[in-house]
Amino acid sequence: DLHRRQPRYRGRIDVVNLAPDHLIATGNFAGVINGSVNGHGAGTSVKGFNGSANVRIAGLAVNGWNAGDLTLSANAANRVVNYDLRISQGQAASASSRGMVDFRGTPRYQVALSAAHLDLEKVQAGRVMRTDINLAAQVDGSGTALADANATARVDWRPSVMGPVRITSGVLRASIARGVVTISQAEFAAAGPTRVEAKGTAVLTGRRRADISYFLDCKDVAPW
């Protein structure tokens, strides 16, 4: 309805067996898309949209990395968006992410990500690159501009493989408040052995400055 000051709309879009790489040969994306989006709203901002989306991409590949089957469900109501995303690779391997964004007032967000034996496969220079990624991560905060963002981030790496690199452990604890990033704990260890540690603060607004201490010990750089 374009007669109103803020246009109003209502509708539904269905996608059936769409293969974008058959339409545009970019080589950056492959997969077969099925899904639907339906909703209603007013204006052009995402804040005015109410509805839901369900999407499945079979055989997803991005920039040559084969990821598996992706499913996404999301809904938006009263300026709050919730989503649930999952990548499936059989019974043992998967990755998932769930989150919420609240656009009422200062935006608030909660995002969780986990991966269990996630195998991203790519053929490069005649060699097969594979991964075995195991991690858990979480971001919780409010605000999107550096000056008013207030958020914390947690990442826990469990033993993983990324091509020739074998990660044994990793931990990150960081936060941002009033334009200041604080790294309270950052530790990373890999076979070789390689060990990295860092902590400190960085001011990202006004007079930018940083005070970060770090330690690096790498006995073998070949895998990197």
N, C-alpha and C. Protein backbone atom coordinates (compact mmCIF):
# COMPACT_ATOMS: atom_id res chain seq x y z
N ASP A 1 0.86 -1.18 0.00
CA ASP A 1 0.00 0.00 0.00
C ASP A 1 0.90 1.24 0.00
N LEU A 2 0.98 1.93 -1.15
CA LEU A 2 1.86 3.08 -1.28
C LEU A 2 1.15 4.40 -1.00
N HIS A 3 -0.11 4.34 -0.59
CA HIS A 3 -0.85 5.57 -0.32
C HIS A 3 -0.50 6.15 1.05
N ARG A 4 0.03 5.36 1.93
CA ARG A 4 0.37 5.81 3.27
C ARG A 4 1.75 6.46 3.28
N ARG A 5 2.00 7.23 4.33
CA ARG A 5 3.31 7.88 4.48
C ARG A 5 4.41 6.84 4.60
N GLN A 6 4.14 5.78 5.35
CA GLN A 6 5.03 4.63 5.42
C GLN A 6 4.37 3.48 4.67
N PRO A 7 4.92 3.07 3.54
CA PRO A 7 4.29 1.99 2.76
C PRO A 7 4.08 0.74 3.60
N ARG A 8 2.93 0.10 3.42
CA ARG A 8 2.64 -1.15 4.11
C ARG A 8 2.62 -2.30 3.10
N TYR A 9 3.02 -3.46 3.56
CA TYR A 9 3.13 -4.60 2.64
C TYR A 9 2.79 -5.89 3.36
N ARG A 10 2.44 -6.89 2.57
CA ARG A 10 2.16 -8.23 3.07
C ARG A 10 2.41 -9.19 1.91
N GLY A 11 3.08 -10.31 2.17
CA GLY A 11 3.34 -11.21 1.07
C GLY A 11 4.09 -12.46 1.48
N ARG A 12 4.38 -13.28 0.46
CA ARG A 12 5.08 -14.55 0.68
C ARG A 12 5.94 -14.83 -0.55
N ILE A 13 7.14 -15.34 -0.31
CA ILE A 13 8.06 -15.74 -1.38
C ILE A 13 8.45 -17.19 -1.14
N ASP A 14 8.32 -18.00 -2.19
CA ASP A 14 8.74 -19.40 -2.13
C ASP A 14 9.84 -19.65 -3.15
N VAL A 15 10.85 -20.40 -2.72
CA VAL A 15 11.95 -20.77 -3.61
C VAL A 15 12.02 -22.29 -3.65
N VAL A 16 12.04 -22.86 -4.86
CA VAL A 16 12.03 -24.31 -5.03
C VAL A 16 13.19 -24.73 -5.93
N ASN A 17 14.11 -25.51 -5.36
CA ASN A 17 15.22 -26.10 -6.12
C ASN A 17 15.99 -25.08 -6.94
N LEU A 18 16.32 -23.95 -6.32
CA LEU A 18 17.10 -22.91 -7.00
C LEU A 18 18.58 -23.19 -6.82
N ALA A 19 19.31 -23.25 -7.94
CA ALA A 19 20.77 -23.45 -7.93
C ALA A 19 21.42 -22.20 -8.50
N PRO A 20 21.83 -21.23 -7.65
CA PRO A 20 22.37 -19.97 -8.16
C PRO A 20 23.58 -20.14 -9.06
N ASP A 21 24.40 -21.17 -8.81
CA ASP A 21 25.60 -21.34 -9.63
C ASP A 21 25.25 -21.74 -11.07
N HIS A 22 24.01 -22.20 -11.30
CA HIS A 22 23.58 -22.50 -12.66
C HIS A 22 23.13 -21.24 -13.39
N LEU A 23 22.80 -20.19 -12.61
CA LEU A 23 22.36 -18.93 -13.21
C LEU A 23 23.53 -17.98 -13.44
N ILE A 24 24.40 -17.89 -12.41
CA ILE A 24 25.57 -17.00 -12.48
C ILE A 24 26.80 -17.82 -12.11
N ALA A 25 27.69 -18.01 -13.04
CA ALA A 25 28.86 -18.85 -12.81
C ALA A 25 29.97 -18.04 -12.13
N THR A 26 29.79 -17.78 -10.81
CA THR A 26 30.80 -17.01 -10.08
C THR A 26 31.86 -17.92 -9.47
N GLY A 27 31.48 -19.18 -9.18
CA GLY A 27 32.41 -20.10 -8.55
C GLY A 27 32.55 -19.90 -7.06
N ASN A 28 31.85 -18.89 -6.48
CA ASN A 28 31.96 -18.61 -5.05
C ASN A 28 30.89 -19.28 -4.21
N PHE A 29 29.80 -19.72 -4.85
CA PHE A 29 28.69 -20.29 -4.10
C PHE A 29 28.05 -21.42 -4.89
N ALA A 30 27.76 -22.51 -4.20
CA ALA A 30 27.06 -23.63 -4.83
C ALA A 30 26.11 -24.24 -3.82
N GLY A 31 25.03 -24.82 -4.32
CA GLY A 31 24.03 -25.44 -3.45
C GLY A 31 22.66 -25.34 -4.08
N VAL A 32 21.73 -26.10 -3.54
CA VAL A 32 20.35 -26.08 -4.02
C VAL A 32 19.47 -25.51 -2.91
N ILE A 33 18.78 -24.40 -3.22
CA ILE A 33 18.04 -23.65 -2.21
C ILE A 33 16.55 -23.97 -2.30
N ASN A 34 15.97 -24.29 -1.14
CA ASN A 34 14.52 -24.39 -0.98
C ASN A 34 14.14 -23.60 0.25
N GLY A 35 13.04 -22.85 0.16
CA GLY A 35 12.64 -22.09 1.33
C GLY A 35 11.45 -21.20 1.07
N SER A 36 11.05 -20.53 2.14
CA SER A 36 9.92 -19.61 2.04
C SER A 36 10.12 -18.48 3.05
N VAL A 37 9.63 -17.31 2.66
CA VAL A 37 9.62 -16.13 3.52
C VAL A 37 8.23 -15.52 3.44
N ASN A 38 7.61 -15.30 4.58
CA ASN A 38 6.31 -14.63 4.56
C ASN A 38 6.23 -13.65 5.71
N GLY A 39 5.53 -12.56 5.48
CA GLY A 39 5.43 -11.56 6.53
C GLY A 39 4.70 -10.32 6.09
N HIS A 40 4.69 -9.35 6.99
CA HIS A 40 4.06 -8.07 6.72
C HIS A 40 4.79 -7.00 7.51
N GLY A 41 4.58 -5.76 7.12
CA GLY A 41 5.25 -4.69 7.84
C GLY A 41 4.94 -3.34 7.26
N ALA A 42 5.70 -2.34 7.76
CA ALA A 42 5.52 -0.96 7.31
C ALA A 42 6.89 -0.31 7.20
N GLY A 43 7.05 0.55 6.18
CA GLY A 43 8.32 1.23 5.99
C GLY A 43 9.34 0.35 5.30
N THR A 44 10.59 0.83 5.27
CA THR A 44 11.66 0.10 4.58
C THR A 44 12.69 -0.48 5.53
N SER A 45 12.58 -0.21 6.82
CA SER A 45 13.54 -0.72 7.79
C SER A 45 13.16 -2.13 8.22
N VAL A 46 14.18 -2.94 8.56
CA VAL A 46 13.93 -4.29 9.06
C VAL A 46 13.17 -4.25 10.38
N LYS A 47 13.26 -3.12 11.08
CA LYS A 47 12.57 -3.00 12.37
C LYS A 47 11.05 -3.07 12.21
N GLY A 48 10.55 -2.72 11.02
CA GLY A 48 9.11 -2.73 10.81
C GLY A 48 8.58 -4.01 10.23
N PHE A 49 9.44 -5.04 10.13
CA PHE A 49 9.02 -6.30 9.52
C PHE A 49 8.59 -7.30 10.57
N ASN A 50 7.48 -8.00 10.31
CA ASN A 50 7.01 -9.09 11.15
C ASN A 50 6.76 -10.29 10.25
N GLY A 51 7.38 -11.42 10.58
CA GLY A 51 7.18 -12.59 9.74
C GLY A 51 8.16 -13.69 10.09
N SER A 52 8.32 -14.62 9.16
CA SER A 52 9.18 -15.78 9.42
C SER A 52 9.84 -16.22 8.12
N ALA A 53 10.93 -16.97 8.28
CA ALA A 53 11.65 -17.50 7.12
C ALA A 53 12.16 -18.89 7.47
N ASN A 54 12.08 -19.79 6.49
CA ASN A 54 12.63 -21.13 6.62
C ASN A 54 13.37 -21.46 5.33
N VAL A 55 14.65 -21.73 5.46
CA VAL A 55 15.49 -21.95 4.28
C VAL A 55 16.34 -23.20 4.48
N ARG A 56 16.48 -23.97 3.41
CA ARG A 56 17.38 -25.13 3.41
C ARG A 56 18.25 -25.08 2.17
N ILE A 57 19.57 -25.20 2.37
CA ILE A 57 20.51 -25.24 1.25
C ILE A 57 21.22 -26.58 1.29
N ALA A 58 20.96 -27.41 0.30
CA ALA A 58 21.59 -28.73 0.23
C ALA A 58 22.91 -28.63 -0.53
N GLY A 59 23.94 -29.27 0.01
CA GLY A 59 25.23 -29.27 -0.65
C GLY A 59 25.87 -27.90 -0.73
N LEU A 60 25.83 -27.16 0.37
CA LEU A 60 26.38 -25.81 0.39
C LEU A 60 27.90 -25.83 0.23
N ALA A 61 28.39 -24.98 -0.66
CA ALA A 61 29.83 -24.78 -0.84
C ALA A 61 30.09 -23.29 -1.04
N VAL A 62 31.08 -22.76 -0.30
CA VAL A 62 31.41 -21.34 -0.37
C VAL A 62 32.90 -21.20 -0.65
N ASN A 63 33.22 -20.51 -1.74
CA ASN A 63 34.62 -20.32 -2.14
C ASN A 63 35.39 -21.64 -2.20
N GLY A 64 34.71 -22.68 -2.66
CA GLY A 64 35.37 -23.97 -2.82
C GLY A 64 35.35 -24.86 -1.59
N TRP A 65 34.90 -24.34 -0.45
CA TRP A 65 34.82 -25.15 0.77
C TRP A 65 33.45 -25.82 0.83
N ASN A 66 33.42 -27.14 0.88
CA ASN A 66 32.16 -27.90 0.99
C ASN A 66 31.73 -27.95 2.44
N ALA A 67 30.56 -27.39 2.73
CA ALA A 67 30.12 -27.27 4.11
C ALA A 67 29.09 -28.30 4.53
N GLY A 68 28.25 -28.79 3.60
CA GLY A 68 27.19 -29.73 3.97
C GLY A 68 25.83 -29.13 3.71
N ASP A 69 24.84 -29.55 4.49
CA ASP A 69 23.46 -29.06 4.33
C ASP A 69 23.15 -28.03 5.41
N LEU A 70 22.66 -26.88 4.98
CA LEU A 70 22.36 -25.79 5.91
C LEU A 70 20.86 -25.59 6.03
N THR A 71 20.39 -25.44 7.25
CA THR A 71 18.98 -25.09 7.50
C THR A 71 18.93 -23.85 8.37
N LEU A 72 18.00 -22.96 8.07
CA LEU A 72 17.85 -21.72 8.81
C LEU A 72 16.37 -21.44 9.03
N SER A 73 16.03 -21.17 10.26
CA SER A 73 14.68 -20.71 10.58
C SER A 73 14.80 -19.42 11.39
N ALA A 74 13.95 -18.46 11.08
CA ALA A 74 14.00 -17.17 11.75
C ALA A 74 12.61 -16.58 11.81
N ASN A 75 12.39 -15.79 12.84
CA ASN A 75 11.12 -15.08 12.93
C ASN A 75 11.35 -13.69 13.52
N ALA A 76 10.52 -12.76 13.11
CA ALA A 76 10.61 -11.38 13.58
C ALA A 76 9.23 -10.93 14.03
N ALA A 77 9.17 -10.39 15.24
CA ALA A 77 7.89 -9.90 15.78
C ALA A 77 8.18 -8.82 16.80
N ASN A 78 7.48 -7.70 16.67
CA ASN A 78 7.61 -6.60 17.62
C ASN A 78 9.05 -6.15 17.80
N ARG A 79 9.79 -6.08 16.67
CA ARG A 79 11.17 -5.61 16.64
C ARG A 79 12.16 -6.55 17.33
N VAL A 80 11.78 -7.80 17.49
CA VAL A 80 12.69 -8.79 18.05
C VAL A 80 12.86 -9.91 17.02
N VAL A 81 14.10 -10.22 16.69
CA VAL A 81 14.41 -11.26 15.70
C VAL A 81 15.10 -12.43 16.40
N ASN A 82 14.60 -13.63 16.18
CA ASN A 82 15.23 -14.84 16.69
C ASN A 82 15.57 -15.74 15.50
N TYR A 83 16.71 -16.44 15.60
CA TYR A 83 17.08 -17.34 14.51
C TYR A 83 17.71 -18.61 15.05
N ASP A 84 17.68 -19.65 14.23
CA ASP A 84 18.29 -20.94 14.54
C ASP A 84 18.90 -21.46 13.25
N LEU A 85 20.21 -21.64 13.23
CA LEU A 85 20.91 -22.07 12.03
C LEU A 85 21.70 -23.34 12.34
N ARG A 86 21.72 -24.26 11.39
CA ARG A 86 22.43 -25.52 11.60
C ARG A 86 23.04 -26.02 10.29
N ILE A 87 24.26 -26.52 10.38
CA ILE A 87 24.93 -27.19 9.27
C ILE A 87 25.09 -28.66 9.67
N SER A 88 24.57 -29.54 8.84
CA SER A 88 24.60 -30.97 9.13
C SER A 88 25.54 -31.68 8.16
N GLN A 89 26.34 -32.60 8.73
CA GLN A 89 27.25 -33.42 7.93
C GLN A 89 27.17 -34.87 8.42
N GLY A 90 26.00 -35.44 8.34
CA GLY A 90 25.81 -36.79 8.87
C GLY A 90 25.48 -36.75 10.35
N GLN A 91 25.68 -37.87 11.03
CA GLN A 91 25.28 -37.98 12.43
C GLN A 91 26.30 -37.39 13.40
N ALA A 92 27.59 -37.41 13.06
CA ALA A 92 28.62 -37.03 14.02
C ALA A 92 29.08 -35.59 13.88
N ALA A 93 29.01 -35.01 12.69
CA ALA A 93 29.58 -33.69 12.44
C ALA A 93 28.48 -32.66 12.21
N SER A 94 28.64 -31.49 12.84
CA SER A 94 27.64 -30.44 12.68
C SER A 94 28.16 -29.12 13.24
N ALA A 95 27.43 -28.07 12.93
CA ALA A 95 27.65 -26.76 13.52
C ALA A 95 26.30 -26.09 13.67
N SER A 96 26.15 -25.28 14.71
CA SER A 96 24.87 -24.63 14.93
C SER A 96 25.08 -23.25 15.53
N SER A 97 24.11 -22.39 15.31
CA SER A 97 24.13 -21.06 15.88
C SER A 97 22.70 -20.64 16.19
N ARG A 98 22.53 -20.09 17.37
CA ARG A 98 21.23 -19.56 17.76
C ARG A 98 21.43 -18.15 18.30
N GLY A 99 20.44 -17.31 18.08
CA GLY A 99 20.62 -15.95 18.56
C GLY A 99 19.36 -15.13 18.55
N MET A 100 19.49 -13.93 19.10
CA MET A 100 18.38 -12.99 19.22
C MET A 100 18.92 -11.58 19.06
N VAL A 101 18.17 -10.75 18.34
CA VAL A 101 18.48 -9.33 18.23
C VAL A 101 17.22 -8.56 18.57
N ASP A 102 17.32 -7.68 19.56
CA ASP A 102 16.19 -6.88 20.01
C ASP A 102 16.43 -5.44 19.56
N PHE A 103 15.61 -4.95 18.61
CA PHE A 103 15.79 -3.62 18.06
C PHE A 103 15.04 -2.55 18.84
N ARG A 104 14.42 -2.89 19.93
CA ARG A 104 13.71 -1.91 20.72
C ARG A 104 14.71 -1.06 21.51
N GLY A 105 14.73 0.25 21.25
CA GLY A 105 15.71 1.11 21.90
C GLY A 105 17.11 0.80 21.39
N THR A 106 18.09 0.79 22.28
CA THR A 106 19.45 0.40 21.90
C THR A 106 19.45 -1.09 21.57
N PRO A 107 19.90 -1.48 20.38
CA PRO A 107 19.86 -2.89 20.01
C PRO A 107 20.58 -3.78 21.01
N ARG A 108 19.95 -4.88 21.37
CA ARG A 108 20.56 -5.90 22.23
C ARG A 108 20.68 -7.20 21.44
N TYR A 109 21.70 -7.99 21.71
CA TYR A 109 21.91 -9.21 20.95
C TYR A 109 22.55 -10.29 21.81
N GLN A 110 22.19 -11.51 21.48
CA GLN A 110 22.76 -12.71 22.09
C GLN A 110 22.97 -13.72 20.98
N VAL A 111 24.20 -14.17 20.80
CA VAL A 111 24.53 -15.11 19.74
C VAL A 111 25.39 -16.22 20.31
N ALA A 112 25.02 -17.46 20.01
CA ALA A 112 25.80 -18.63 20.44
C ALA A 112 26.16 -19.45 19.22
N LEU A 113 27.38 -19.98 19.20
CA LEU A 113 27.87 -20.77 18.08
C LEU A 113 28.60 -21.98 18.63
N SER A 114 28.36 -23.14 18.02
CA SER A 114 29.08 -24.35 18.41
C SER A 114 29.36 -25.19 17.18
N ALA A 115 30.46 -25.94 17.25
CA ALA A 115 30.83 -26.84 16.16
C ALA A 115 31.37 -28.12 16.76
N ALA A 116 30.96 -29.24 16.20
CA ALA A 116 31.43 -30.56 16.65
C ALA A 116 31.89 -31.36 15.44
N HIS A 117 33.19 -31.55 15.33
CA HIS A 117 33.79 -32.32 14.23
C HIS A 117 33.37 -31.78 12.87
N LEU A 118 33.26 -30.45 12.77
CA LEU A 118 32.86 -29.83 11.51
C LEU A 118 33.96 -30.03 10.47
N ASP A 119 33.60 -30.64 9.35
CA ASP A 119 34.55 -30.97 8.30
C ASP A 119 34.27 -30.11 7.08
N LEU A 120 35.11 -29.09 6.88
CA LEU A 120 35.02 -28.25 5.69
C LEU A 120 36.10 -28.72 4.72
N GLU A 121 35.68 -29.19 3.57
CA GLU A 121 36.59 -29.82 2.61
C GLU A 121 36.80 -28.92 1.40
N LYS A 122 38.06 -28.82 0.96
CA LYS A 122 38.39 -28.02 -0.21
C LYS A 122 39.54 -28.67 -0.96
N VAL A 123 39.43 -28.70 -2.29
CA VAL A 123 40.51 -29.19 -3.13
C VAL A 123 41.31 -27.99 -3.61
N GLN A 124 42.59 -27.94 -3.24
CA GLN A 124 43.44 -26.81 -3.57
C GLN A 124 44.79 -27.32 -4.08
N ALA A 125 45.17 -26.88 -5.27
CA ALA A 125 46.44 -27.29 -5.88
C ALA A 125 46.57 -28.80 -5.92
N GLY A 126 45.46 -29.48 -6.22
CA GLY A 126 45.47 -30.93 -6.33
C GLY A 126 45.48 -31.67 -5.02
N ARG A 127 45.42 -30.94 -3.91
CA ARG A 127 45.41 -31.56 -2.58
C ARG A 127 44.07 -31.30 -1.90
N VAL A 128 43.62 -32.26 -1.09
CA VAL A 128 42.37 -32.13 -0.35
C VAL A 128 42.66 -31.55 1.02
N MET A 129 42.11 -30.36 1.30
CA MET A 129 42.22 -29.72 2.61
C MET A 129 40.96 -30.06 3.41
N ARG A 130 41.15 -30.55 4.62
CA ARG A 130 40.01 -30.91 5.45
C ARG A 130 40.17 -30.32 6.84
N THR A 131 39.05 -30.26 7.55
CA THR A 131 39.07 -29.72 8.91
C THR A 131 38.32 -30.65 9.86
N ASP A 132 38.60 -30.49 11.13
CA ASP A 132 37.85 -31.14 12.21
C ASP A 132 37.74 -30.09 13.30
N ILE A 133 36.72 -29.23 13.19
CA ILE A 133 36.60 -28.06 14.05
C ILE A 133 35.67 -28.36 15.22
N ASN A 134 36.15 -28.04 16.44
CA ASN A 134 35.38 -28.24 17.66
C ASN A 134 35.53 -26.99 18.53
N LEU A 135 34.44 -26.27 18.70
CA LEU A 135 34.51 -25.04 19.48
C LEU A 135 33.13 -24.63 19.98
N ALA A 136 33.15 -23.71 20.93
CA ALA A 136 31.92 -23.08 21.42
C ALA A 136 32.21 -21.60 21.61
N ALA A 137 31.29 -20.75 21.16
CA ALA A 137 31.50 -19.30 21.25
C ALA A 137 30.18 -18.62 21.61
N GLN A 138 30.31 -17.46 22.24
CA GLN A 138 29.11 -16.72 22.66
C GLN A 138 29.41 -15.23 22.67
N VAL A 139 28.48 -14.44 22.17
CA VAL A 139 28.55 -12.98 22.22
C VAL A 139 27.26 -12.48 22.83
N ASP A 140 27.38 -11.58 23.80
CA ASP A 140 26.21 -11.07 24.51
C ASP A 140 26.44 -9.58 24.76
N GLY A 141 25.53 -8.73 24.27
CA GLY A 141 25.77 -7.31 24.50
C GLY A 141 24.68 -6.43 23.96
N SER A 142 25.00 -5.14 23.87
CA SER A 142 24.07 -4.15 23.36
C SER A 142 24.86 -3.05 22.66
N GLY A 143 24.18 -2.36 21.73
CA GLY A 143 24.82 -1.28 20.99
C GLY A 143 25.64 -1.79 19.83
N THR A 144 25.68 -1.00 18.76
CA THR A 144 26.44 -1.39 17.56
C THR A 144 27.56 -0.41 17.23
N ALA A 145 27.44 0.84 17.65
CA ALA A 145 28.51 1.81 17.43
C ALA A 145 29.59 1.61 18.48
N LEU A 146 30.84 1.88 18.11
CA LEU A 146 31.96 1.67 19.04
C LEU A 146 31.78 2.45 20.34
N ALA A 147 31.23 3.66 20.23
CA ALA A 147 31.14 4.52 21.41
C ALA A 147 30.13 4.02 22.44
N ASP A 148 29.08 3.31 21.98
CA ASP A 148 28.05 2.88 22.93
C ASP A 148 27.92 1.37 23.05
N ALA A 149 28.77 0.59 22.36
CA ALA A 149 28.70 -0.87 22.46
C ALA A 149 29.15 -1.33 23.84
N ASN A 150 28.42 -2.30 24.36
CA ASN A 150 28.75 -2.91 25.65
C ASN A 150 28.51 -4.40 25.51
N ALA A 151 29.58 -5.16 25.30
CA ALA A 151 29.41 -6.57 24.95
C ALA A 151 30.57 -7.40 25.49
N THR A 152 30.30 -8.70 25.63
CA THR A 152 31.33 -9.65 26.03
C THR A 152 31.37 -10.79 25.02
N ALA A 153 32.54 -11.38 24.85
CA ALA A 153 32.72 -12.49 23.93
C ALA A 153 33.52 -13.60 24.61
N ARG A 154 33.08 -14.83 24.38
CA ARG A 154 33.76 -16.00 24.92
C ARG A 154 33.95 -17.02 23.80
N VAL A 155 35.16 -17.56 23.67
CA VAL A 155 35.44 -18.60 22.70
C VAL A 155 36.26 -19.69 23.38
N ASP A 156 35.84 -20.92 23.21
CA ASP A 156 36.58 -22.07 23.74
C ASP A 156 36.84 -23.04 22.61
N TRP A 157 38.14 -23.20 22.26
CA TRP A 157 38.54 -24.16 21.24
C TRP A 157 38.87 -25.48 21.90
N ARG A 158 38.31 -26.54 21.35
CA ARG A 158 38.70 -27.88 21.76
C ARG A 158 39.62 -28.46 20.68
N PRO A 159 40.30 -29.57 20.93
CA PRO A 159 41.22 -30.12 19.92
C PRO A 159 40.59 -30.16 18.54
N SER A 160 41.27 -29.54 17.57
CA SER A 160 40.74 -29.39 16.23
C SER A 160 41.86 -29.52 15.20
N VAL A 161 41.44 -29.70 13.96
CA VAL A 161 42.37 -29.78 12.84
C VAL A 161 41.90 -28.82 11.77
N MET A 162 42.83 -28.01 11.24
CA MET A 162 42.53 -27.11 10.13
C MET A 162 43.64 -27.28 9.10
N GLY A 163 43.40 -28.19 8.15
CA GLY A 163 44.45 -28.52 7.18
C GLY A 163 45.65 -29.12 7.88
N PRO A 164 46.84 -28.55 7.70
CA PRO A 164 48.04 -29.10 8.34
C PRO A 164 48.21 -28.67 9.79
N VAL A 165 47.34 -27.77 10.27
CA VAL A 165 47.47 -27.24 11.63
C VAL A 165 46.61 -28.05 12.59
N ARG A 166 47.23 -28.50 13.68
CA ARG A 166 46.51 -29.24 14.72
C ARG A 166 46.43 -28.39 15.98
N ILE A 167 45.23 -27.92 16.27
CA ILE A 167 45.00 -27.07 17.44
C ILE A 167 44.73 -27.96 18.65
N THR A 168 45.42 -27.69 19.75
CA THR A 168 45.20 -28.48 20.96
C THR A 168 44.23 -27.79 21.93
N SER A 169 44.26 -26.46 21.97
CA SER A 169 43.33 -25.75 22.85
C SER A 169 43.34 -24.27 22.52
N GLY A 170 42.31 -23.57 22.95
CA GLY A 170 42.24 -22.13 22.76
C GLY A 170 41.17 -21.52 23.62
N VAL A 171 41.45 -20.34 24.17
CA VAL A 171 40.50 -19.64 25.03
C VAL A 171 40.56 -18.15 24.72
N LEU A 172 39.40 -17.53 24.61
CA LEU A 172 39.33 -16.08 24.47
C LEU A 172 38.24 -15.53 25.38
N ARG A 173 38.62 -14.51 26.16
CA ARG A 173 37.67 -13.77 26.99
C ARG A 173 37.92 -12.30 26.71
N ALA A 174 36.93 -11.63 26.12
CA ALA A 174 37.11 -10.23 25.76
C ALA A 174 35.81 -9.47 25.94
N SER A 175 35.93 -8.16 26.04
CA SER A 175 34.75 -7.32 26.19
C SER A 175 35.02 -5.95 25.59
N ILE A 176 33.94 -5.22 25.33
CA ILE A 176 34.04 -3.84 24.87
C ILE A 176 33.04 -2.99 25.65
N ALA A 177 33.47 -1.82 26.08
CA ALA A 177 32.61 -0.90 26.81
C ALA A 177 33.13 0.51 26.59
N ARG A 178 32.26 1.42 26.15
CA ARG A 178 32.60 2.82 25.93
C ARG A 178 33.81 2.97 25.02
N GLY A 179 33.88 2.14 24.00
CA GLY A 179 34.95 2.26 23.03
C GLY A 179 36.26 1.62 23.44
N VAL A 180 36.29 0.92 24.56
CA VAL A 180 37.51 0.29 25.04
C VAL A 180 37.36 -1.23 24.98
N VAL A 181 38.24 -1.88 24.23
CA VAL A 181 38.26 -3.34 24.16
C VAL A 181 39.23 -3.87 25.21
N THR A 182 38.76 -4.82 25.99
CA THR A 182 39.59 -5.44 27.02
C THR A 182 39.74 -6.92 26.73
N ILE A 183 40.96 -7.37 26.55
CA ILE A 183 41.25 -8.79 26.39
C ILE A 183 41.75 -9.30 27.74
N SER A 184 40.89 -9.98 28.45
CA SER A 184 41.29 -10.47 29.77
C SER A 184 42.03 -11.80 29.69
N GLN A 185 41.76 -12.56 28.62
CA GLN A 185 42.45 -13.84 28.44
C GLN A 185 42.40 -14.23 26.97
N ALA A 186 43.55 -14.51 26.40
CA ALA A 186 43.63 -15.03 25.04
C ALA A 186 44.78 -16.01 25.00
N GLU A 187 44.46 -17.27 24.86
CA GLU A 187 45.48 -18.32 24.84
C GLU A 187 45.19 -19.28 23.69
N PHE A 188 46.23 -19.68 23.00
CA PHE A 188 46.09 -20.56 21.85
C PHE A 188 47.28 -21.50 21.81
N ALA A 189 47.00 -22.78 21.63
CA ALA A 189 48.08 -23.77 21.57
C ALA A 189 47.84 -24.73 20.42
N ALA A 190 48.93 -25.08 19.74
CA ALA A 190 48.83 -26.00 18.61
C ALA A 190 50.05 -26.91 18.62
N ALA A 191 49.92 -28.03 17.91
CA ALA A 191 51.03 -28.98 17.82
C ALA A 191 52.20 -28.32 17.11
N GLY A 192 53.39 -28.69 17.48
CA GLY A 192 54.58 -28.13 16.86
C GLY A 192 55.79 -28.03 17.76
N PRO A 193 55.71 -27.52 19.02
CA PRO A 193 54.48 -26.88 19.54
C PRO A 193 54.46 -25.38 19.25
N THR A 194 53.24 -24.83 19.29
CA THR A 194 53.05 -23.38 19.15
C THR A 194 52.16 -22.91 20.29
N ARG A 195 52.56 -21.78 20.91
CA ARG A 195 51.76 -21.24 22.00
C ARG A 195 51.71 -19.72 21.88
N VAL A 196 50.51 -19.16 22.01
CA VAL A 196 50.31 -17.72 21.93
C VAL A 196 49.47 -17.29 23.12
N GLU A 197 49.89 -16.22 23.78
CA GLU A 197 49.12 -15.64 24.89
C GLU A 197 49.09 -14.12 24.73
N ALA A 198 47.96 -13.52 25.09
CA ALA A 198 47.85 -12.06 24.99
C ALA A 198 46.81 -11.55 25.98
N LYS A 199 47.01 -10.32 26.44
CA LYS A 199 46.02 -9.63 27.28
C LYS A 199 46.31 -8.14 27.23
N GLY A 200 45.29 -7.35 27.51
CA GLY A 200 45.48 -5.91 27.50
C GLY A 200 44.24 -5.17 27.07
N THR A 201 44.40 -3.88 26.75
CA THR A 201 43.28 -3.03 26.36
C THR A 201 43.64 -2.23 25.11
N ALA A 202 42.59 -1.82 24.38
CA ALA A 202 42.76 -0.97 23.20
C ALA A 202 41.60 0.02 23.16
N VAL A 203 41.92 1.30 23.04
CA VAL A 203 40.92 2.35 22.95
C VAL A 203 40.65 2.61 21.47
N LEU A 204 39.40 2.43 21.03
CA LEU A 204 39.06 2.52 19.62
C LEU A 204 38.34 3.79 19.24
N THR A 205 38.10 4.69 20.19
CA THR A 205 37.45 5.96 19.91
C THR A 205 38.31 7.10 20.42
N GLY A 206 38.07 8.30 19.87
CA GLY A 206 38.84 9.45 20.32
C GLY A 206 40.33 9.27 20.03
N ARG A 207 41.15 9.47 21.03
CA ARG A 207 42.59 9.28 20.91
C ARG A 207 42.89 7.79 21.02
N ARG A 208 43.06 7.15 19.89
CA ARG A 208 43.22 5.70 19.87
C ARG A 208 44.59 5.29 20.38
N ARG A 209 44.60 4.27 21.23
CA ARG A 209 45.85 3.77 21.80
C ARG A 209 45.62 2.35 22.28
N ALA A 210 46.70 1.63 22.51
CA ALA A 210 46.59 0.25 22.95
C ALA A 210 47.70 -0.09 23.93
N ASP A 211 47.40 -0.96 24.84
CA ASP A 211 48.38 -1.47 25.81
C ASP A 211 48.15 -2.98 25.90
N ILE A 212 48.82 -3.72 25.04
CA ILE A 212 48.62 -5.16 24.94
C ILE A 212 49.96 -5.87 25.08
N SER A 213 50.00 -6.84 25.96
CA SER A 213 51.19 -7.67 26.12
C SER A 213 50.91 -9.04 25.52
N TYR A 214 51.94 -9.66 24.92
CA TYR A 214 51.73 -10.95 24.26
C TYR A 214 52.99 -11.80 24.37
N PHE A 215 52.78 -13.08 24.19
CA PHE A 215 53.87 -14.06 24.20
C PHE A 215 53.65 -15.02 23.04
N LEU A 216 54.71 -15.29 22.27
CA LEU A 216 54.63 -16.20 21.14
C LEU A 216 55.80 -17.16 21.19
N ASP A 217 55.50 -18.44 21.10
CA ASP A 217 56.53 -19.48 21.06
C ASP A 217 56.13 -20.48 19.97
N CYS A 218 56.88 -20.51 18.89
CA CYS A 218 56.56 -21.39 17.76
C CYS A 218 57.83 -22.16 17.36
N LYS A 219 57.82 -23.45 17.58
CA LYS A 219 58.97 -24.27 17.27
C LYS A 219 59.05 -24.66 15.79
N ASP A 220 57.89 -24.64 15.09
CA ASP A 220 57.85 -25.08 13.70
C ASP A 220 56.80 -24.26 12.96
N VAL A 221 57.24 -23.43 12.00
CA VAL A 221 56.31 -22.57 11.26
C VAL A 221 55.78 -23.25 10.00
N ALA A 222 56.28 -24.44 9.67
CA ALA A 222 55.90 -25.11 8.42
C ALA A 222 54.39 -25.30 8.27
N PRO A 223 53.66 -25.75 9.31
CA PRO A 223 52.21 -25.97 9.12
C PRO A 223 51.45 -24.68 8.82
N TRP A 224 52.01 -23.54 9.20
CA TRP A 224 51.32 -22.25 9.02
C TRP A 224 51.58 -21.66 7.65
